[in-house]
Amino acid sequence: MVKDVLVAFAIGGGLCALAQLVLDLTRTNPAYVMVLFVSLGSVASGLGLYEKLAQLAGAGAVVPLPGFGHALTSGMLEGAAREGFLGLLKGGLEATSMGLTVAILFGYLFSILFNPKG
């Protein structure tokens, strides 16, 4: 158990540190870095690489942004296998709908409770 937690922490922390390095060294807009990491997770999932990382690291690989790309792509591939072309859209939405819903609801809730900047 302790080993699993340490591996998840190291891999998840490594992914986040890599994103921070990209931000610091390239002065890239944070939105571009987010899209880059989701896209990299999606490509790695499509190539069958991200599933192995997710099995090794657990939440350390699934929770950061590349994990969202992995969930989206794996959902699309499963949906396409089940329902063909229409399953591409449907599968991706089914796989990520809970995470998107929670993010929207909590974002709205915290914007009501606290004074957002901007």
Protein backbone atom coordinates (compact mmCIF):
# COMPACT_ATOMS: atom_id res chain seq x y z
CA MET A 1 0.00 0.00 0.00
CA VAL A 2 2.73 2.47 0.95
CA LYS A 3 4.66 1.57 -2.21
CA ASP A 4 1.55 2.22 -4.35
CA VAL A 5 1.05 5.62 -2.75
CA LEU A 6 4.68 6.58 -3.28
CA VAL A 7 4.61 5.48 -6.94
CA ALA A 8 1.37 7.42 -7.53
CA PHE A 9 2.85 10.48 -5.83
CA ALA A 10 6.09 10.28 -7.81
CA ILE A 11 4.44 9.83 -11.21
CA GLY A 12 1.65 12.34 -10.60
CA GLY A 13 4.13 14.82 -9.18
CA GLY A 14 6.43 14.23 -12.13
CA LEU A 15 3.63 14.99 -14.60
CA CYS A 16 2.75 18.18 -12.72
CA ALA A 17 6.41 19.21 -12.44
CA LEU A 18 6.83 18.68 -16.17
CA ALA A 19 3.84 20.94 -16.84
CA GLN A 20 5.30 23.57 -14.50
CA LEU A 21 8.64 23.38 -16.31
CA VAL A 22 6.92 23.92 -19.65
CA LEU A 23 5.15 26.95 -18.18
CA ASP A 24 8.30 28.42 -16.65
CA LEU A 25 10.77 27.75 -19.45
CA THR A 26 8.62 28.66 -22.44
CA ARG A 27 6.43 31.41 -20.99
CA THR A 28 3.51 29.69 -22.70
CA ASN A 29 -0.06 30.58 -21.84
CA PRO A 30 -1.36 28.11 -19.18
CA ALA A 31 -4.36 27.29 -21.37
CA TYR A 32 -2.02 26.06 -24.12
CA VAL A 33 -0.15 23.87 -21.65
CA MET A 34 -3.44 22.37 -20.47
CA VAL A 35 -4.45 21.56 -24.03
CA LEU A 36 -0.98 20.16 -24.72
CA PHE A 37 -1.13 17.78 -21.76
CA VAL A 38 -4.68 16.61 -22.50
CA SER A 39 -3.63 16.03 -26.12
CA LEU A 40 -0.49 14.13 -25.10
CA GLY A 41 -2.55 11.93 -22.79
CA SER A 42 -4.99 11.31 -25.60
CA VAL A 43 -2.27 10.36 -28.09
CA ALA A 44 -0.56 8.11 -25.53
CA SER A 45 -3.90 6.43 -24.86
CA GLY A 46 -4.54 5.90 -28.55
CA LEU A 47 -1.13 4.26 -28.88
CA GLY A 48 -1.86 2.01 -25.90
CA LEU A 49 0.85 3.54 -23.70
CA TYR A 50 -1.21 5.45 -21.14
CA GLU A 51 -3.12 2.40 -19.89
CA LYS A 52 0.17 0.83 -18.74
CA LEU A 53 1.11 4.05 -16.95
CA ALA A 54 -2.33 4.23 -15.31
CA GLN A 55 -2.02 0.64 -14.09
CA LEU A 56 1.40 1.41 -12.61
CA ALA A 57 0.64 4.78 -11.05
CA GLY A 58 -3.11 4.57 -10.34
CA ALA A 59 -4.47 7.97 -9.36
CA GLY A 60 -1.05 9.53 -9.95
CA ALA A 61 -1.58 9.09 -13.68
CA VAL A 62 -5.37 9.28 -13.90
CA VAL A 63 -6.01 12.52 -12.01
CA PRO A 64 -3.69 14.99 -13.83
CA LEU A 65 -4.61 16.48 -17.20
CA PRO A 66 -3.19 13.68 -19.36
CA GLY A 67 -5.59 11.37 -17.51
CA PHE A 68 -8.51 13.36 -18.90
CA GLY A 69 -7.17 12.86 -22.43
CA HIS A 70 -6.80 9.16 -21.69
CA ALA A 71 -10.38 8.90 -20.40
CA LEU A 72 -11.71 10.76 -23.42
CA THR A 73 -9.82 8.67 -25.96
CA SER A 74 -10.47 5.31 -24.29
CA GLY A 75 -14.17 6.19 -24.05
CA MET A 76 -14.23 7.13 -27.73
CA LEU A 77 -12.52 3.89 -28.75
CA GLU A 78 -14.87 1.78 -26.63
CA GLY A 79 -17.89 3.66 -27.98
CA ALA A 80 -16.72 3.21 -31.56
CA ALA A 81 -16.26 -0.52 -30.98
CA ARG A 82 -19.81 -0.78 -29.59
CA GLU A 83 -21.75 1.59 -31.85
CA GLY A 84 -19.56 2.54 -34.79
CA PHE A 85 -19.03 6.13 -35.88
CA LEU A 86 -21.69 7.63 -33.58
CA GLY A 87 -20.02 5.88 -30.66
CA LEU A 88 -16.96 8.08 -31.12
CA LEU A 89 -18.83 11.10 -29.78
CA LYS A 90 -21.09 9.24 -27.42
CA GLY A 91 -18.31 7.17 -25.84
CA GLY A 92 -16.10 10.17 -25.12
CA LEU A 93 -18.94 12.07 -23.52
CA GLU A 94 -20.00 9.08 -21.43
CA ALA A 95 -16.47 8.53 -20.17
CA THR A 96 -15.87 12.13 -19.09
CA SER A 97 -19.34 13.44 -18.23
CA MET A 98 -19.06 12.98 -14.46
CA GLY A 99 -15.75 14.83 -14.24
CA LEU A 100 -17.01 17.68 -16.41
CA THR A 101 -20.25 17.96 -14.44
CA VAL A 102 -18.46 18.11 -11.10
CA ALA A 103 -15.99 20.72 -12.41
CA ILE A 104 -18.80 22.94 -13.69
CA LEU A 105 -20.94 22.60 -10.57
CA PHE A 106 -18.10 23.28 -8.13
CA GLY A 107 -16.81 26.15 -10.27
CA TYR A 108 -20.26 27.73 -10.19
CA LEU A 109 -20.69 27.06 -6.46
CA PHE A 110 -17.34 28.62 -5.55
CA SER A 111 -17.98 31.62 -7.79
CA ILE A 112 -21.14 32.26 -5.76
CA LEU A 113 -19.51 31.70 -2.38
CA PHE A 114 -16.35 33.70 -3.03
CA ASN A 115 -15.51 36.86 -4.92
CA PRO A 116 -13.87 35.70 -8.17
CA LYS A 117 -11.17 37.84 -9.75
CA GLY A 118 -11.75 38.93 -13.29
